[in-house]
Amino acid sequence: MSAVKSANLCWGHRYIWLRIHQLPPRHQPESHIMLRFVIPPSLSLAHCRAMLTSLTRRHEALRTTYHLDGGPHQRVHAPGPWPIRQASVERDGTPSPAEVIEELTGT
């Protein structure tokens, strides 16, 4: 499998792209769909990595990013390991989950 595939946006992607870019830059990340679920105590970080690797290997949409260089287009990246950031709700001096999410959506 090649490292990266590239294609123009389809009409649906173009519509979403244009809608997001009509928002002020600070509010653009708010358009993401987020799901919340209770994590079972038996789910380890290794299990989570394996699950994400398996899902993204099978579904190109989960490895697709969108770019403006040369006009809006999408890039499908090759399957590979996910850089997972761990966050704790404990007050142990590490960034809170909200801080980690804000940092990631900002980048």
PDB file of N, CA and C in Angstrom:
ATOM      1  N   MET A   1       0.843  -1.176   0.000  1.00  0.00           N
ATOM      2  CA  MET A   1       0.000   0.000   0.000  1.00  0.00           C
ATOM      3  C   MET A   1       0.889   1.240   0.000  1.00  0.00           C
ATOM      4  N   SER A   2       0.564   2.226  -0.821  1.00  0.00           N
ATOM      5  CA  SER A   2       1.363   3.445  -0.880  1.00  0.00           C
ATOM      6  C   SER A   2       1.200   4.245   0.407  1.00  0.00           C
ATOM      7  N   ALA A   3       2.162   5.114   0.668  1.00  0.00           N
ATOM      8  CA  ALA A   3       2.158   5.877   1.909  1.00  0.00           C
ATOM      9  C   ALA A   3       0.978   6.836   1.986  1.00  0.00           C
ATOM     10  N   VAL A   4       0.684   7.518   0.890  1.00  0.00           N
ATOM     11  CA  VAL A   4      -0.378   8.521   0.912  1.00  0.00           C
ATOM     12  C   VAL A   4      -1.107   8.519  -0.425  1.00  0.00           C
ATOM     13  N   LYS A   5      -2.416   8.577  -0.370  1.00  0.00           N
ATOM     14  CA  LYS A   5      -3.221   8.762  -1.578  1.00  0.00           C
ATOM     15  C   LYS A   5      -3.862  10.139  -1.467  1.00  0.00           C
ATOM     16  N   SER A   6      -4.106  10.782  -2.593  1.00  0.00           N
ATOM     17  CA  SER A   6      -4.689  12.118  -2.582  1.00  0.00           C
ATOM     18  C   SER A   6      -5.822  12.185  -3.593  1.00  0.00           C
ATOM     19  N   ALA A   7      -6.845  12.985  -3.296  1.00  0.00           N
ATOM     20  CA  ALA A   7      -7.979  13.149  -4.203  1.00  0.00           C
ATOM     21  C   ALA A   7      -8.652  14.476  -3.926  1.00  0.00           C
ATOM     22  N   ASN A   8      -9.352  15.003  -4.924  1.00  0.00           N
ATOM     23  CA  ASN A   8     -10.153  16.198  -4.715  1.00  0.00           C
ATOM     24  C   ASN A   8     -11.286  15.869  -3.753  1.00  0.00           C
ATOM     25  N   LEU A   9     -11.861  16.907  -3.168  1.00  0.00           N
ATOM     26  CA  LEU A   9     -12.996  16.698  -2.279  1.00  0.00           C
ATOM     27  C   LEU A   9     -14.238  16.361  -3.093  1.00  0.00           C
ATOM     28  N   CYS A  10     -15.081  15.467  -2.558  1.00  0.00           N
ATOM     29  CA  CYS A  10     -16.370  15.219  -3.200  1.00  0.00           C
ATOM     30  C   CYS A  10     -17.308  16.361  -2.790  1.00  0.00           C
ATOM     31  N   TRP A  11     -18.505  16.409  -3.350  1.00  0.00           N
ATOM     32  CA  TRP A  11     -19.438  17.509  -3.055  1.00  0.00           C
ATOM     33  C   TRP A  11     -19.776  17.581  -1.569  1.00  0.00           C
ATOM     34  N   GLY A  12     -19.971  16.448  -0.923  1.00  0.00           N
ATOM     35  CA  GLY A  12     -20.286  16.440   0.504  1.00  0.00           C
ATOM     36  C   GLY A  12     -19.146  16.983   1.346  1.00  0.00           C
ATOM     37  N   HIS A  13     -17.912  16.550   1.029  1.00  0.00           N
ATOM     38  CA  HIS A  13     -16.744  17.065   1.750  1.00  0.00           C
ATOM     39  C   HIS A  13     -16.587  18.557   1.521  1.00  0.00           C
ATOM     40  N   ARG A  14     -16.777  18.996   0.274  1.00  0.00           N
ATOM     41  CA  ARG A  14     -16.623  20.417  -0.055  1.00  0.00           C
ATOM     42  C   ARG A  14     -17.634  21.263   0.723  1.00  0.00           C
ATOM     43  N   TYR A  15     -18.874  20.778   0.846  1.00  0.00           N
ATOM     44  CA  TYR A  15     -19.898  21.502   1.593  1.00  0.00           C
ATOM     45  C   TYR A  15     -19.477  21.665   3.052  1.00  0.00           C
ATOM     46  N   ILE A  16     -19.044  20.556   3.675  1.00  0.00           N
ATOM     47  CA  ILE A  16     -18.619  20.615   5.080  1.00  0.00           C
ATOM     48  C   ILE A  16     -17.417  21.537   5.226  1.00  0.00           C
ATOM     49  N   TRP A  17     -16.449  21.432   4.302  1.00  0.00           N
ATOM     50  CA  TRP A  17     -15.253  22.277   4.334  1.00  0.00           C
ATOM     51  C   TRP A  17     -15.634  23.754   4.298  1.00  0.00           C
ATOM     52  N   LEU A  18     -16.523  24.116   3.370  1.00  0.00           N
ATOM     53  CA  LEU A  18     -16.934  25.514   3.247  1.00  0.00           C
ATOM     54  C   LEU A  18     -17.694  25.985   4.479  1.00  0.00           C
ATOM     55  N   ARG A  19     -18.561  25.148   5.042  1.00  0.00           N
ATOM     56  CA  ARG A  19     -19.316  25.517   6.248  1.00  0.00           C
ATOM     57  C   ARG A  19     -18.370  25.762   7.423  1.00  0.00           C
ATOM     58  N   ILE A  20     -17.381  24.894   7.603  1.00  0.00           N
ATOM     59  CA  ILE A  20     -16.436  25.055   8.710  1.00  0.00           C
ATOM     60  C   ILE A  20     -15.640  26.339   8.544  1.00  0.00           C
ATOM     61  N   HIS A  21     -15.213  26.649   7.316  1.00  0.00           N
ATOM     62  CA  HIS A  21     -14.375  27.822   7.108  1.00  0.00           C
ATOM     63  C   HIS A  21     -15.160  29.128   7.069  1.00  0.00           C
ATOM     64  N   GLN A  22     -16.486  29.065   7.163  1.00  0.00           N
ATOM     65  CA  GLN A  22     -17.281  30.276   7.333  1.00  0.00           C
ATOM     66  C   GLN A  22     -17.329  30.693   8.796  1.00  0.00           C
ATOM     67  N   LEU A  23     -16.954  29.786   9.701  1.00  0.00           N
ATOM     68  CA  LEU A  23     -16.925  30.089  11.122  1.00  0.00           C
ATOM     69  C   LEU A  23     -15.651  30.851  11.464  1.00  0.00           C
ATOM     70  N   PRO A  24     -15.686  31.675  12.526  1.00  0.00           N
ATOM     71  CA  PRO A  24     -14.439  32.303  12.982  1.00  0.00           C
ATOM     72  C   PRO A  24     -13.437  31.208  13.377  1.00  0.00           C
ATOM     73  N   PRO A  25     -12.138  31.422  13.139  1.00  0.00           N
ATOM     74  CA  PRO A  25     -11.137  30.379  13.393  1.00  0.00           C
ATOM     75  C   PRO A  25     -11.230  29.733  14.777  1.00  0.00           C
ATOM     76  N   ARG A  26     -11.519  30.524  15.809  1.00  0.00           N
ATOM     77  CA  ARG A  26     -11.578  29.965  17.166  1.00  0.00           C
ATOM     78  C   ARG A  26     -12.720  28.950  17.319  1.00  0.00           C
ATOM     79  N   HIS A  27     -13.764  29.063  16.510  1.00  0.00           N
ATOM     80  CA  HIS A  27     -14.927  28.185  16.642  1.00  0.00           C
ATOM     81  C   HIS A  27     -14.913  27.021  15.652  1.00  0.00           C
ATOM     82  N   GLN A  28     -13.955  26.974  14.748  1.00  0.00           N
ATOM     83  CA  GLN A  28     -13.911  25.885  13.769  1.00  0.00           C
ATOM     84  C   GLN A  28     -13.768  24.501  14.401  1.00  0.00           C
ATOM     85  N   PRO A  29     -12.918  24.301  15.431  1.00  0.00           N
ATOM     86  CA  PRO A  29     -12.810  22.959  16.024  1.00  0.00           C
ATOM     87  C   PRO A  29     -14.102  22.484  16.687  1.00  0.00           C
ATOM     88  N   GLU A  30     -15.015  23.402  17.018  1.00  0.00           N
ATOM     89  CA  GLU A  30     -16.252  23.026  17.693  1.00  0.00           C
ATOM     90  C   GLU A  30     -17.185  22.238  16.791  1.00  0.00           C
ATOM     91  N   SER A  31     -16.905  22.195  15.498  1.00  0.00           N
ATOM     92  CA  SER A  31     -17.780  21.488  14.576  1.00  0.00           C
ATOM     93  C   SER A  31     -17.517  19.986  14.555  1.00  0.00           C
ATOM     94  N   HIS A  32     -16.518  19.510  15.292  1.00  0.00           N
ATOM     95  CA  HIS A  32     -16.207  18.075  15.322  1.00  0.00           C
ATOM     96  C   HIS A  32     -17.296  17.315  16.065  1.00  0.00           C
ATOM     97  N   ILE A  33     -17.519  16.098  15.661  1.00  0.00           N
ATOM     98  CA  ILE A  33     -18.468  15.229  16.334  1.00  0.00           C
ATOM     99  C   ILE A  33     -17.705  14.486  17.421  1.00  0.00           C
ATOM    100  N   MET A  34     -18.222  14.575  18.627  1.00  0.00           N
ATOM    101  CA  MET A  34     -17.559  13.908  19.746  1.00  0.00           C
ATOM    102  C   MET A  34     -18.533  12.943  20.398  1.00  0.00           C
ATOM    103  N   LEU A  35     -18.045  11.789  20.754  1.00  0.00           N
ATOM    104  CA  LEU A  35     -18.846  10.804  21.471  1.00  0.00           C
ATOM    105  C   LEU A  35     -18.217  10.571  22.830  1.00  0.00           C
ATOM    106  N   ARG A  36     -19.066  10.327  23.802  1.00  0.00           N
ATOM    107  CA  ARG A  36     -18.565  10.015  25.140  1.00  0.00           C
ATOM    108  C   ARG A  36     -19.085   8.637  25.525  1.00  0.00           C
ATOM    109  N   PHE A  37     -18.230   7.842  26.119  1.00  0.00           N
ATOM    110  CA  PHE A  37     -18.661   6.535  26.592  1.00  0.00           C
ATOM    111  C   PHE A  37     -17.831   6.149  27.799  1.00  0.00           C
ATOM    112  N   VAL A  38     -18.411   5.291  28.606  1.00  0.00           N
ATOM    113  CA  VAL A  38     -17.724   4.815  29.803  1.00  0.00           C
ATOM    114  C   VAL A  38     -16.701   3.757  29.389  1.00  0.00           C
ATOM    115  N   ILE A  39     -15.485   3.938  29.842  1.00  0.00           N
ATOM    116  CA  ILE A  39     -14.415   2.999  29.513  1.00  0.00           C
ATOM    117  C   ILE A  39     -14.419   1.892  30.566  1.00  0.00           C
ATOM    118  N   PRO A  40     -14.564   0.641  30.130  1.00  0.00           N
ATOM    119  CA  PRO A  40     -14.551  -0.460  31.106  1.00  0.00           C
ATOM    120  C   PRO A  40     -13.193  -0.550  31.799  1.00  0.00           C
ATOM    121  N   PRO A  41     -13.190  -0.889  33.078  1.00  0.00           N
ATOM    122  CA  PRO A  41     -11.916  -0.988  33.816  1.00  0.00           C
ATOM    123  C   PRO A  41     -10.935  -1.985  33.190  1.00  0.00           C
ATOM    124  N   SER A  42     -11.444  -2.983  32.464  1.00  0.00           N
ATOM    125  CA  SER A  42     -10.563  -3.999  31.874  1.00  0.00           C
ATOM    126  C   SER A  42      -9.872  -3.523  30.598  1.00  0.00           C
ATOM    127  N   LEU A  43     -10.246  -2.340  30.071  1.00  0.00           N
ATOM    128  CA  LEU A  43      -9.647  -1.836  28.831  1.00  0.00           C
ATOM    129  C   LEU A  43      -8.317  -1.154  29.141  1.00  0.00           C
ATOM    130  N   SER A  44      -7.237  -1.782  28.725  1.00  0.00           N
ATOM    131  CA  SER A  44      -5.907  -1.208  28.962  1.00  0.00           C
ATOM    132  C   SER A  44      -5.529  -0.294  27.788  1.00  0.00           C
ATOM    133  N   LEU A  45      -4.476   0.472  27.958  1.00  0.00           N
ATOM    134  CA  LEU A  45      -3.980   1.325  26.883  1.00  0.00           C
ATOM    135  C   LEU A  45      -3.547   0.469  25.690  1.00  0.00           C
ATOM    136  N   ALA A  46      -2.963  -0.686  25.941  1.00  0.00           N
ATOM    137  CA  ALA A  46      -2.554  -1.594  24.852  1.00  0.00           C
ATOM    138  C   ALA A  46      -3.779  -2.077  24.072  1.00  0.00           C
ATOM    139  N   HIS A  47      -4.862  -2.422  24.773  1.00  0.00           N
ATOM    140  CA  HIS A  47      -6.099  -2.843  24.094  1.00  0.00           C
ATOM    141  C   HIS A  47      -6.660  -1.705  23.244  1.00  0.00           C
ATOM    142  N   CYS A  48      -6.628  -0.487  23.792  1.00  0.00           N
ATOM    143  CA  CYS A  48      -7.130   0.685  23.069  1.00  0.00           C
ATOM    144  C   CYS A  48      -6.310   0.923  21.798  1.00  0.00           C
ATOM    145  N   ARG A  49      -5.002   0.832  21.906  1.00  0.00           N
ATOM    146  CA  ARG A  49      -4.133   0.983  20.723  1.00  0.00           C
ATOM    147  C   ARG A  49      -4.447  -0.074  19.669  1.00  0.00           C
ATOM    148  N   ALA A  50      -4.613  -1.329  20.093  1.00  0.00           N
ATOM    149  CA  ALA A  50      -4.907  -2.415  19.162  1.00  0.00           C
ATOM    150  C   ALA A  50      -6.244  -2.184  18.468  1.00  0.00           C
ATOM    151  N   MET A  51      -7.242  -1.710  19.214  1.00  0.00           N
ATOM    152  CA  MET A  51      -8.553  -1.449  18.645  1.00  0.00           C
ATOM    153  C   MET A  51      -8.478  -0.338  17.595  1.00  0.00           C
ATOM    154  N   LEU A  52      -7.806   0.766  17.918  1.00  0.00           N
ATOM    155  CA  LEU A  52      -7.690   1.875  16.981  1.00  0.00           C
ATOM    156  C   LEU A  52      -6.879   1.488  15.744  1.00  0.00           C
ATOM    157  N   THR A  53      -5.823   0.736  15.932  1.00  0.00           N
ATOM    158  CA  THR A  53      -5.011   0.286  14.801  1.00  0.00           C
ATOM    159  C   THR A  53      -5.829  -0.596  13.867  1.00  0.00           C
ATOM    160  N   SER A  54      -6.606  -1.503  14.436  1.00  0.00           N
ATOM    161  CA  SER A  54      -7.445  -2.388  13.628  1.00  0.00           C
ATOM    162  C   SER A  54      -8.508  -1.597  12.864  1.00  0.00           C
ATOM    163  N   LEU A  55      -9.179  -0.675  13.551  1.00  0.00           N
ATOM    164  CA  LEU A  55     -10.221   0.122  12.895  1.00  0.00           C
ATOM    165  C   LEU A  55      -9.661   0.985  11.769  1.00  0.00           C
ATOM    166  N   THR A  56      -8.554   1.653  12.028  1.00  0.00           N
ATOM    167  CA  THR A  56      -8.008   2.553  11.007  1.00  0.00           C
ATOM    168  C   THR A  56      -7.362   1.792   9.851  1.00  0.00           C
ATOM    169  N   ARG A  57      -6.899   0.590  10.093  1.00  0.00           N
ATOM    170  CA  ARG A  57      -6.365  -0.228   8.997  1.00  0.00           C
ATOM    171  C   ARG A  57      -7.498  -0.579   8.034  1.00  0.00           C
ATOM    172  N   ARG A  58      -8.691  -0.826   8.558  1.00  0.00           N
ATOM    173  CA  ARG A  58      -9.823  -1.250   7.738  1.00  0.00           C
ATOM    174  C   ARG A  58     -10.585  -0.098   7.092  1.00  0.00           C
ATOM    175  N   HIS A  59     -10.548   1.096   7.688  1.00  0.00           N
ATOM    176  CA  HIS A  59     -11.391   2.197   7.218  1.00  0.00           C
ATOM    177  C   HIS A  59     -10.556   3.424   6.850  1.00  0.00           C
ATOM    178  N   GLU A  60     -10.421   3.686   5.559  1.00  0.00           N
ATOM    179  CA  GLU A  60      -9.615   4.821   5.081  1.00  0.00           C
ATOM    180  C   GLU A  60     -10.142   6.153   5.596  1.00  0.00           C
ATOM    181  N   ALA A  61     -11.451   6.277   5.788  1.00  0.00           N
ATOM    182  CA  ALA A  61     -12.023   7.551   6.249  1.00  0.00           C
ATOM    183  C   ALA A  61     -11.432   7.984   7.589  1.00  0.00           C
ATOM    184  N   LEU A  62     -11.017   7.030   8.402  1.00  0.00           N
ATOM    185  CA  LEU A  62     -10.435   7.358   9.702  1.00  0.00           C
ATOM    186  C   LEU A  62      -8.968   7.765   9.599  1.00  0.00           C
ATOM    187  N   ARG A  63      -8.377   7.620   8.406  1.00  0.00           N
ATOM    188  CA  ARG A  63      -6.988   8.029   8.173  1.00  0.00           C
ATOM    189  C   ARG A  63      -6.913   9.198   7.201  1.00  0.00           C
ATOM    190  N   THR A  64      -8.032   9.874   6.972  1.00  0.00           N
ATOM    191  CA  THR A  64      -8.099  10.940   5.981  1.00  0.00           C
ATOM    192  C   THR A  64      -7.974  12.298   6.650  1.00  0.00           C
ATOM    193  N   THR A  65      -7.109  13.142   6.092  1.00  0.00           N
ATOM    194  CA  THR A  65      -6.985  14.527   6.539  1.00  0.00           C
ATOM    195  C   THR A  65      -7.278  15.434   5.352  1.00  0.00           C
ATOM    196  N   TYR A  66      -7.606  16.690   5.637  1.00  0.00           N
ATOM    197  CA  TYR A  66      -7.994  17.638   4.597  1.00  0.00           C
ATOM    198  C   TYR A  66      -7.017  18.805   4.582  1.00  0.00           C
ATOM    199  N   HIS A  67      -6.650  19.241   3.360  1.00  0.00           N
ATOM    200  CA  HIS A  67      -5.597  20.239   3.202  1.00  0.00           C
ATOM    201  C   HIS A  67      -5.989  21.286   2.173  1.00  0.00           C
ATOM    202  N   LEU A  68      -5.414  22.478   2.300  1.00  0.00           N
ATOM    203  CA  LEU A  68      -5.695  23.580   1.395  1.00  0.00           C
ATOM    204  C   LEU A  68      -4.642  23.773   0.320  1.00  0.00           C
ATOM    205  N   ASP A  69      -3.412  23.287   0.526  1.00  0.00           N
ATOM    206  CA  ASP A  69      -2.334  23.539  -0.433  1.00  0.00           C
ATOM    207  C   ASP A  69      -2.721  23.024  -1.822  1.00  0.00           C
ATOM    208  N   GLY A  70      -2.755  23.924  -2.792  1.00  0.00           N
ATOM    209  CA  GLY A  70      -3.135  23.544  -4.155  1.00  0.00           C
ATOM    210  C   GLY A  70      -4.633  23.367  -4.326  1.00  0.00           C
ATOM    211  N   GLY A  71      -5.428  23.948  -3.462  1.00  0.00           N
ATOM    212  CA  GLY A  71      -6.880  23.780  -3.499  1.00  0.00           C
ATOM    213  C   GLY A  71      -7.296  22.693  -2.524  1.00  0.00           C
ATOM    214  N   PRO A  72      -8.514  22.779  -1.990  1.00  0.00           N
ATOM    215  CA  PRO A  72      -8.924  21.787  -0.988  1.00  0.00           C
ATOM    216  C   PRO A  72      -8.868  20.364  -1.553  1.00  0.00           C
ATOM    217  N   HIS A  73      -8.235  19.479  -0.813  1.00  0.00           N
ATOM    218  CA  HIS A  73      -8.174  18.079  -1.203  1.00  0.00           C
ATOM    219  C   HIS A  73      -7.992  17.218   0.042  1.00  0.00           C
ATOM    220  N   GLN A  74      -8.190  15.940  -0.135  1.00  0.00           N
ATOM    221  CA  GLN A  74      -8.058  15.007   0.973  1.00  0.00           C
ATOM    222  C   GLN A  74      -6.848  14.101   0.766  1.00  0.00           C
ATOM    223  N   ARG A  75      -6.239  13.708   1.877  1.00  0.00           N
ATOM    224  CA  ARG A  75      -5.137  12.756   1.839  1.00  0.00           C
ATOM    225  C   ARG A  75      -5.494  11.559   2.717  1.00  0.00           C
ATOM    226  N   VAL A  76      -5.347  10.390   2.155  1.00  0.00           N
ATOM    227  CA  VAL A  76      -5.553   9.156   2.914  1.00  0.00           C
ATOM    228  C   VAL A  76      -4.173   8.631   3.283  1.00  0.00           C
ATOM    229  N   HIS A  77      -3.890   8.575   4.562  1.00  0.00           N
ATOM    230  CA  HIS A  77      -2.577   8.152   5.045  1.00  0.00           C
ATOM    231  C   HIS A  77      -2.534   6.631   5.205  1.00  0.00           C
ATOM    232  N   ALA A  78      -1.345   6.094   5.104  1.00  0.00           N
ATOM    233  CA  ALA A  78      -1.152   4.648   5.268  1.00  0.00           C
ATOM    234  C   ALA A  78      -1.470   4.237   6.699  1.00  0.00           C
ATOM    235  N   PRO A  79      -1.934   3.017   6.885  1.00  0.00           N
ATOM    236  CA  PRO A  79      -2.201   2.550   8.251  1.00  0.00           C
ATOM    237  C   PRO A  79      -0.916   2.511   9.068  1.00  0.00           C
ATOM    238  N   GLY A  80      -1.044   2.752  10.339  1.00  0.00           N
ATOM    239  CA  GLY A  80       0.109   2.716  11.220  1.00  0.00           C
ATOM    240  C   GLY A  80      -0.323   2.944  12.646  1.00  0.00           C
ATOM    241  N   PRO A  81       0.606   2.950  13.577  1.00  0.00           N
ATOM    242  CA  PRO A  81       0.258   3.139  14.982  1.00  0.00           C
ATOM    243  C   PRO A  81      -0.238   4.556  15.245  1.00  0.00           C
ATOM    244  N   TRP A  82      -1.129   4.667  16.191  1.00  0.00           N
ATOM    245  CA  TRP A  82      -1.687   5.968  16.590  1.00  0.00           C
ATOM    246  C   TRP A  82      -0.866   6.579  17.708  1.00  0.00           C
ATOM    247  N   PRO A  83      -0.606   7.891  17.633  1.00  0.00           N
ATOM    248  CA  PRO A  83       0.025   8.557  18.784  1.00  0.00           C
ATOM    249  C   PRO A  83      -1.072   8.873  19.809  1.00  0.00           C
ATOM    250  N   ILE A  84      -1.202   8.047  20.815  1.00  0.00           N
ATOM    251  CA  ILE A  84      -2.265   8.211  21.814  1.00  0.00           C
ATOM    252  C   ILE A  84      -1.751   9.050  22.973  1.00  0.00           C
ATOM    253  N   ARG A  85      -2.534  10.082  23.331  1.00  0.00           N
ATOM    254  CA  ARG A  85      -2.222  10.914  24.496  1.00  0.00           C
ATOM    255  C   ARG A  85      -3.075  10.447  25.659  1.00  0.00           C
ATOM    256  N   GLN A  86      -2.471  10.197  26.764  1.00  0.00           N
ATOM    257  CA  GLN A  86      -3.185   9.773  27.955  1.00  0.00           C
ATOM    258  C   GLN A  86      -3.432  10.989  28.828  1.00  0.00           C
ATOM    259  N   ALA A  87      -4.637  11.100  29.389  1.00  0.00           N
ATOM    260  CA  ALA A  87      -4.967  12.192  30.302  1.00  0.00           C
ATOM    261  C   ALA A  87      -5.627  11.593  31.534  1.00  0.00           C
ATOM    262  N   SER A  88      -5.416  12.235  32.654  1.00  0.00           N
ATOM    263  CA  SER A  88      -5.966  11.737  33.909  1.00  0.00           C
ATOM    264  C   SER A  88      -6.854  12.795  34.539  1.00  0.00           C
ATOM    265  N   VAL A  89      -7.920  12.366  35.190  1.00  0.00           N
ATOM    266  CA  VAL A  89      -8.777  13.301  35.912  1.00  0.00           C
ATOM    267  C   VAL A  89      -8.235  13.557  37.315  1.00  0.00           C
ATOM    268  N   GLU A  90      -7.205  12.830  37.687  1.00  0.00           N
ATOM    269  CA  GLU A  90      -6.581  13.035  38.993  1.00  0.00           C
ATOM    270  C   GLU A  90      -5.832  14.368  38.999  1.00  0.00           C
ATOM    271  N   ARG A  91      -5.792  15.014  40.124  1.00  0.00           N
ATOM    272  CA  ARG A  91      -5.042  16.272  40.250  1.00  0.00           C
ATOM    273  C   ARG A  91      -3.597  15.923  40.621  1.00  0.00           C
ATOM    274  N   ASP A  92      -2.855  15.493  39.599  1.00  0.00           N
ATOM    275  CA  ASP A  92      -1.488  15.034  39.832  1.00  0.00           C
ATOM    276  C   ASP A  92      -0.454  15.905  39.109  1.00  0.00           C
ATOM    277  N   GLY A  93      -0.872  17.086  38.660  1.00  0.00           N
ATOM    278  CA  GLY A  93       0.048  17.988  37.984  1.00  0.00           C
ATOM    279  C   GLY A  93       0.116  17.799  36.482  1.00  0.00           C
ATOM    280  N   THR A  94      -0.519  16.745  35.952  1.00  0.00           N
ATOM    281  CA  THR A  94      -0.551  16.538  34.504  1.00  0.00           C
ATOM    282  C   THR A  94      -1.753  17.288  33.923  1.00  0.00           C
ATOM    283  N   PRO A  95      -1.730  17.586  32.620  1.00  0.00           N
ATOM    284  CA  PRO A  95      -2.855  18.302  32.016  1.00  0.00           C
ATOM    285  C   PRO A  95      -4.163  17.507  32.151  1.00  0.00           C
ATOM    286  N   SER A  96      -5.242  18.235  32.373  1.00  0.00           N
ATOM    287  CA  SER A  96      -6.562  17.603  32.490  1.00  0.00           C
ATOM    288  C   SER A  96      -7.041  17.165  31.106  1.00  0.00           C
ATOM    289  N   PRO A  97      -8.044  16.272  31.035  1.00  0.00           N
ATOM    290  CA  PRO A  97      -8.582  15.885  29.727  1.00  0.00           C
ATOM    291  C   PRO A  97      -9.043  17.089  28.905  1.00  0.00           C
ATOM    292  N   ALA A  98      -9.682  18.068  29.529  1.00  0.00           N
ATOM    293  CA  ALA A  98     -10.138  19.261  28.799  1.00  0.00           C
ATOM    294  C   ALA A  98      -8.958  20.025  28.207  1.00  0.00           C
ATOM    295  N   GLU A  99      -7.860  20.125  28.951  1.00  0.00           N
ATOM    296  CA  GLU A  99      -6.670  20.824  28.448  1.00  0.00           C
ATOM    297  C   GLU A  99      -6.039  20.070  27.283  1.00  0.00           C
ATOM    298  N   VAL A 100      -6.005  18.744  27.373  1.00  0.00           N
ATOM    299  CA  VAL A 100      -5.437  17.935  26.292  1.00  0.00           C
ATOM    300  C   VAL A 100      -6.288  18.074  25.037  1.00  0.00           C
ATOM    301  N   ILE A 101      -7.618  18.013  25.185  1.00  0.00           N
ATOM    302  CA  ILE A 101      -8.519  18.160  24.030  1.00  0.00           C
ATOM    303  C   ILE A 101      -8.361  19.530  23.397  1.00  0.00           C
ATOM    304  N   GLU A 102      -8.278  20.586  24.215  1.00  0.00           N
ATOM    305  CA  GLU A 102      -8.108  21.934  23.663  1.00  0.00           C
ATOM    306  C   GLU A 102      -6.787  22.054  22.893  1.00  0.00           C
ATOM    307  N   GLU A 103      -5.721  21.480  23.450  1.00  0.00           N
ATOM    308  CA  GLU A 103      -4.421  21.522  22.766  1.00  0.00           C
ATOM    309  C   GLU A 103      -4.480  20.767  21.431  1.00  0.00           C
ATOM    310  N   LEU A 104      -5.076  19.592  21.435  1.00  0.00           N
ATOM    311  CA  LEU A 104      -5.137  18.775  20.208  1.00  0.00           C
ATOM    312  C   LEU A 104      -6.027  19.406  19.139  1.00  0.00           C
ATOM    313  N   THR A 105      -7.174  19.970  19.529  1.00  0.00           N
ATOM    314  CA  THR A 105      -8.047  20.591  18.537  1.00  0.00           C
ATOM    315  C   THR A 105      -7.442  21.886  18.001  1.00  0.00           C
ATOM    316  N   GLY A 106      -6.603  22.531  18.807  1.00  0.00           N
ATOM    317  CA  GLY A 106      -5.933  23.740  18.361  1.00  0.00           C
ATOM    318  C   GLY A 106      -4.826  23.474  17.354  1.00  0.00           C
ATOM    319  N   THR A 107      -4.276  22.263  17.391  1.00  0.00           N
ATOM    320  CA  THR A 107      -3.206  21.926  16.458  1.00  0.00           C
ATOM    321  C   THR A 107      -3.750  21.153  15.304  1.00  0.00           C
TER     322      THR A 107
END
